[in-house]
């Protein structure tokens, strides 16, 4: 049987001790402890329904904040020289960071590197945030905002309709 989007169950588990898993086929709900699943990270795991034997995938989301899909152009800038390192597209954003797709770069990017991220604000202005690159996998980059204070300009993107 072909797998469908309904065969993926996303679970938000930040600070939870247990979570309810609902079979996408028959609707059986089962509460399971989250601790044994913490070692799985964000990667998907397989589950099998105890009622109908349907096999489906579970995506574990341990994020503290909601991550909103986004399609916004921007740049990564070297803080010391002020030169553009890469032209990028922001693919998602949360209050703590963003998922980036590198479109054009003048050099390779490295995990742990600190750069300035520049992108348009919802109101038409510009946002410049210092970010630390937490993962680099090909053209996909995960960046964490280094400033932990509430930023109304980032919140405007996260809460925009």
C-alpha atoms as a PDB file:
ATOM      1  CA  UNK A   1       0.000   0.000   0.000  1.00  0.00           C
ATOM      2  CA  UNK A   2       1.340   3.452  -0.897  1.00  0.00           C
ATOM      3  CA  UNK A   3       2.211   5.755   1.959  1.00  0.00           C
ATOM      4  CA  UNK A   4       0.227   9.006   2.203  1.00  0.00           C
ATOM      5  CA  UNK A   5       0.704  12.271   4.062  1.00  0.00           C
ATOM      6  CA  UNK A   6      -1.889  10.949   6.532  1.00  0.00           C
ATOM      7  CA  UNK A   7       0.554   8.191   7.446  1.00  0.00           C
ATOM      8  CA  UNK A   8       2.808  10.749   9.153  1.00  0.00           C
ATOM      9  CA  UNK A   9       1.822  11.753  12.689  1.00  0.00           C
ATOM     10  CA  UNK A  10       3.683  14.767  14.108  1.00  0.00           C
ATOM     11  CA  UNK A  11       4.038  14.896  17.884  1.00  0.00           C
ATOM     12  CA  UNK A  12       4.982  18.077  19.758  1.00  0.00           C
ATOM     13  CA  UNK A  13       6.790  16.867  22.865  1.00  0.00           C
ATOM     14  CA  UNK A  14       8.663  19.843  24.358  1.00  0.00           C
ATOM     15  CA  UNK A  15       8.752  19.324  28.166  1.00  0.00           C
ATOM     16  CA  UNK A  16       6.048  16.644  28.046  1.00  0.00           C
ATOM     17  CA  UNK A  17       6.301  13.427  30.030  1.00  0.00           C
ATOM     18  CA  UNK A  18       3.841  11.515  27.834  1.00  0.00           C
ATOM     19  CA  UNK A  19       2.077  11.992  24.532  1.00  0.00           C
ATOM     20  CA  UNK A  20      -1.029  10.571  22.836  1.00  0.00           C
ATOM     21  CA  UNK A  21      -0.435   8.764  19.553  1.00  0.00           C
ATOM     22  CA  UNK A  22      -3.497   8.442  17.327  1.00  0.00           C
ATOM     23  CA  UNK A  23      -3.610   5.850  14.551  1.00  0.00           C
ATOM     24  CA  UNK A  24      -4.356   7.649  11.249  1.00  0.00           C
ATOM     25  CA  UNK A  25      -6.255   4.588  10.007  1.00  0.00           C
ATOM     26  CA  UNK A  26      -8.650   3.580  12.800  1.00  0.00           C
ATOM     27  CA  UNK A  27      -8.326   6.487  15.271  1.00  0.00           C
ATOM     28  CA  UNK A  28      -7.155   4.431  18.239  1.00  0.00           C
ATOM     29  CA  UNK A  29      -5.407   6.725  20.719  1.00  0.00           C
ATOM     30  CA  UNK A  30      -2.702   5.419  22.995  1.00  0.00           C
ATOM     31  CA  UNK A  31      -0.756   7.407  25.576  1.00  0.00           C
ATOM     32  CA  UNK A  32       2.932   6.533  25.763  1.00  0.00           C
ATOM     33  CA  UNK A  33       5.800   7.874  27.893  1.00  0.00           C
ATOM     34  CA  UNK A  34       8.057  10.238  25.986  1.00  0.00           C
ATOM     35  CA  UNK A  35      11.352   9.440  27.739  1.00  0.00           C
ATOM     36  CA  UNK A  36      12.187   6.342  25.633  1.00  0.00           C
ATOM     37  CA  UNK A  37      11.585   8.412  22.475  1.00  0.00           C
ATOM     38  CA  UNK A  38      13.893  11.322  23.446  1.00  0.00           C
ATOM     39  CA  UNK A  39      16.922   9.543  21.967  1.00  0.00           C
ATOM     40  CA  UNK A  40      15.182   9.529  18.562  1.00  0.00           C
ATOM     41  CA  UNK A  41      15.504  13.320  18.146  1.00  0.00           C
ATOM     42  CA  UNK A  42      13.445  14.938  15.388  1.00  0.00           C
ATOM     43  CA  UNK A  43      13.768  11.941  13.111  1.00  0.00           C
ATOM     44  CA  UNK A  44      10.783   9.868  12.225  1.00  0.00           C
ATOM     45  CA  UNK A  45      10.112   6.485  13.814  1.00  0.00           C
ATOM     46  CA  UNK A  46       7.713   3.749  12.765  1.00  0.00           C
ATOM     47  CA  UNK A  47       4.686   2.737  14.816  1.00  0.00           C
ATOM     48  CA  UNK A  48       2.183  -0.094  14.463  1.00  0.00           C
ATOM     49  CA  UNK A  49      -1.401   0.198  15.659  1.00  0.00           C
ATOM     50  CA  UNK A  50      -2.344  -2.475  18.196  1.00  0.00           C
ATOM     51  CA  UNK A  51      -5.949  -2.539  16.923  1.00  0.00           C
ATOM     52  CA  UNK A  52      -5.765  -2.519  13.098  1.00  0.00           C
ATOM     53  CA  UNK A  53      -2.027  -3.285  12.562  1.00  0.00           C
ATOM     54  CA  UNK A  54      -1.646  -0.147  10.408  1.00  0.00           C
ATOM     55  CA  UNK A  55       2.008   0.939  10.167  1.00  0.00           C
ATOM     56  CA  UNK A  56       2.680   4.685  10.164  1.00  0.00           C
ATOM     57  CA  UNK A  57       5.480   7.114  10.888  1.00  0.00           C
ATOM     58  CA  UNK A  58       5.814   9.448  13.852  1.00  0.00           C
ATOM     59  CA  UNK A  59       7.762  12.693  13.628  1.00  0.00           C
ATOM     60  CA  UNK A  60       8.984  13.885  17.029  1.00  0.00           C
ATOM     61  CA  UNK A  61       9.145  17.660  17.418  1.00  0.00           C
ATOM     62  CA  UNK A  62      11.106  18.652  20.538  1.00  0.00           C
ATOM     63  CA  UNK A  63      11.176  22.351  19.660  1.00  0.00           C
ATOM     64  CA  UNK A  64      10.379  24.905  22.317  1.00  0.00           C
ATOM     65  CA  UNK A  65       8.675  27.262  19.864  1.00  0.00           C
ATOM     66  CA  UNK A  66       6.333  26.816  16.914  1.00  0.00           C
ATOM     67  CA  UNK A  67       8.191  26.871  13.576  1.00  0.00           C
ATOM     68  CA  UNK A  68       6.298  28.645  10.777  1.00  0.00           C
ATOM     69  CA  UNK A  69       6.915  27.859   7.095  1.00  0.00           C
ATOM     70  CA  UNK A  70       8.277  30.876   5.234  1.00  0.00           C
ATOM     71  CA  UNK A  71       9.479  31.863   1.761  1.00  0.00           C
ATOM     72  CA  UNK A  72      11.554  35.036   2.185  1.00  0.00           C
ATOM     73  CA  UNK A  73      14.818  36.046   0.478  1.00  0.00           C
ATOM     74  CA  UNK A  74      17.766  37.288   2.542  1.00  0.00           C
ATOM     75  CA  UNK A  75      21.531  37.325   2.972  1.00  0.00           C
ATOM     76  CA  UNK A  76      24.113  35.935   5.359  1.00  0.00           C
ATOM     77  CA  UNK A  77      26.730  38.586   6.086  1.00  0.00           C
ATOM     78  CA  UNK A  78      30.204  38.288   7.602  1.00  0.00           C
ATOM     79  CA  UNK A  79      30.028  40.441  10.751  1.00  0.00           C
ATOM     80  CA  UNK A  80      33.690  41.468  10.680  1.00  0.00           C
ATOM     81  CA  UNK A  81      33.971  42.540   7.052  1.00  0.00           C
ATOM     82  CA  UNK A  82      30.342  43.381   6.295  1.00  0.00           C
ATOM     83  CA  UNK A  83      30.499  41.393   3.056  1.00  0.00           C
ATOM     84  CA  UNK A  84      27.717  39.108   1.858  1.00  0.00           C
ATOM     85  CA  UNK A  85      28.650  35.443   2.338  1.00  0.00           C
ATOM     86  CA  UNK A  86      25.501  33.909   0.840  1.00  0.00           C
ATOM     87  CA  UNK A  87      22.184  34.703  -0.790  1.00  0.00           C
ATOM     88  CA  UNK A  88      19.582  32.623   1.010  1.00  0.00           C
ATOM     89  CA  UNK A  89      15.891  31.832   1.333  1.00  0.00           C
ATOM     90  CA  UNK A  90      14.357  31.516   4.794  1.00  0.00           C
ATOM     91  CA  UNK A  91      12.215  28.358   4.695  1.00  0.00           C
ATOM     92  CA  UNK A  92      10.867  28.502   8.255  1.00  0.00           C
ATOM     93  CA  UNK A  93      11.178  30.689  11.340  1.00  0.00           C
ATOM     94  CA  UNK A  94      10.587  30.465  15.089  1.00  0.00           C
ATOM     95  CA  UNK A  95      11.330  32.754  18.008  1.00  0.00           C
ATOM     96  CA  UNK A  96      14.687  30.953  18.455  1.00  0.00           C
ATOM     97  CA  UNK A  97      15.935  30.506  14.914  1.00  0.00           C
ATOM     98  CA  UNK A  98      15.346  29.775  11.273  1.00  0.00           C
ATOM     99  CA  UNK A  99      15.738  27.143   8.590  1.00  0.00           C
ATOM    100  CA  UNK A 100      17.686  28.448   5.609  1.00  0.00           C
ATOM    101  CA  UNK A 101      18.229  27.244   2.066  1.00  0.00           C
ATOM    102  CA  UNK A 102      21.494  28.555   0.606  1.00  0.00           C
ATOM    103  CA  UNK A 103      20.984  29.658  -3.000  1.00  0.00           C
ATOM    104  CA  UNK A 104      24.339  31.233  -3.823  1.00  0.00           C
ATOM    105  CA  UNK A 105      27.460  31.390  -1.669  1.00  0.00           C
ATOM    106  CA  UNK A 106      30.972  32.780  -2.038  1.00  0.00           C
ATOM    107  CA  UNK A 107      32.453  30.268   0.424  1.00  0.00           C
ATOM    108  CA  UNK A 108      31.514  27.208   2.424  1.00  0.00           C
ATOM    109  CA  UNK A 109      29.574  27.577   5.655  1.00  0.00           C
ATOM    110  CA  UNK A 110      30.497  25.762   8.866  1.00  0.00           C
ATOM    111  CA  UNK A 111      28.654  24.621  11.962  1.00  0.00           C
ATOM    112  CA  UNK A 112      29.331  26.991  14.878  1.00  0.00           C
ATOM    113  CA  UNK A 113      29.998  29.958  12.606  1.00  0.00           C
ATOM    114  CA  UNK A 114      28.429  33.272  13.719  1.00  0.00           C
ATOM    115  CA  UNK A 115      27.076  35.532  10.971  1.00  0.00           C
ATOM    116  CA  UNK A 116      24.529  38.285  10.504  1.00  0.00           C
ATOM    117  CA  UNK A 117      21.258  37.294   8.882  1.00  0.00           C
ATOM    118  CA  UNK A 118      19.481  40.060   6.984  1.00  0.00           C
ATOM    119  CA  UNK A 119      15.927  39.695   5.674  1.00  0.00           C
ATOM    120  CA  UNK A 120      12.817  41.846   5.134  1.00  0.00           C
ATOM    121  CA  UNK A 121      10.491  42.664   8.020  1.00  0.00           C
ATOM    122  CA  UNK A 122       6.740  42.134   7.748  1.00  0.00           C
ATOM    123  CA  UNK A 123       6.267  45.924   7.814  1.00  0.00           C
ATOM    124  CA  UNK A 124       8.632  46.434   4.855  1.00  0.00           C
ATOM    125  CA  UNK A 125      11.761  47.325   6.840  1.00  0.00           C
ATOM    126  CA  UNK A 126      14.855  45.150   7.320  1.00  0.00           C
ATOM    127  CA  UNK A 127      15.714  42.748  10.119  1.00  0.00           C
ATOM    128  CA  UNK A 128      19.349  42.049  10.970  1.00  0.00           C
ATOM    129  CA  UNK A 129      19.927  39.230  13.471  1.00  0.00           C
ATOM    130  CA  UNK A 130      23.143  37.630  14.652  1.00  0.00           C
ATOM    131  CA  UNK A 131      22.883  33.859  14.151  1.00  0.00           C
ATOM    132  CA  UNK A 132      24.955  30.809  14.961  1.00  0.00           C
ATOM    133  CA  UNK A 133      24.872  28.038  12.371  1.00  0.00           C
ATOM    134  CA  UNK A 134      23.836  24.883  14.257  1.00  0.00           C
ATOM    135  CA  UNK A 135      23.799  22.509  11.296  1.00  0.00           C
ATOM    136  CA  UNK A 136      24.906  22.614   7.669  1.00  0.00           C
ATOM    137  CA  UNK A 137      23.671  19.805   5.400  1.00  0.00           C
ATOM    138  CA  UNK A 138      24.278  20.634   1.761  1.00  0.00           C
ATOM    139  CA  UNK A 139      22.161  23.679   0.924  1.00  0.00           C
ATOM    140  CA  UNK A 140      20.086  23.362   4.141  1.00  0.00           C
ATOM    141  CA  UNK A 141      21.278  25.344   7.157  1.00  0.00           C
ATOM    142  CA  UNK A 142      19.792  25.639  10.634  1.00  0.00           C
ATOM    143  CA  UNK A 143      20.539  28.922  12.384  1.00  0.00           C
ATOM    144  CA  UNK A 144      19.888  29.906  16.007  1.00  0.00           C
ATOM    145  CA  UNK A 145      19.431  33.547  16.974  1.00  0.00           C
ATOM    146  CA  UNK A 146      22.183  34.468  19.454  1.00  0.00           C
ATOM    147  CA  UNK A 147      20.046  37.181  21.104  1.00  0.00           C
ATOM    148  CA  UNK A 148      17.579  35.415  23.418  1.00  0.00           C
ATOM    149  CA  UNK A 149      15.473  38.546  24.056  1.00  0.00           C
ATOM    150  CA  UNK A 150      11.963  38.828  22.617  1.00  0.00           C
ATOM    151  CA  UNK A 151      12.103  40.407  19.146  1.00  0.00           C
ATOM    152  CA  UNK A 152       8.813  41.954  17.929  1.00  0.00           C
ATOM    153  CA  UNK A 153      10.012  41.910  14.296  1.00  0.00           C
ATOM    154  CA  UNK A 154      10.624  38.127  14.407  1.00  0.00           C
ATOM    155  CA  UNK A 155       7.330  37.626  16.271  1.00  0.00           C
ATOM    156  CA  UNK A 156       5.571  39.477  13.446  1.00  0.00           C
ATOM    157  CA  UNK A 157       6.810  36.808  10.988  1.00  0.00           C
ATOM    158  CA  UNK A 158       5.964  33.900  13.322  1.00  0.00           C
ATOM    159  CA  UNK A 159       2.441  35.191  13.928  1.00  0.00           C
ATOM    160  CA  UNK A 160       1.708  36.497  10.375  1.00  0.00           C
ATOM    161  CA  UNK A 161      -1.186  34.839   8.552  1.00  0.00           C
END
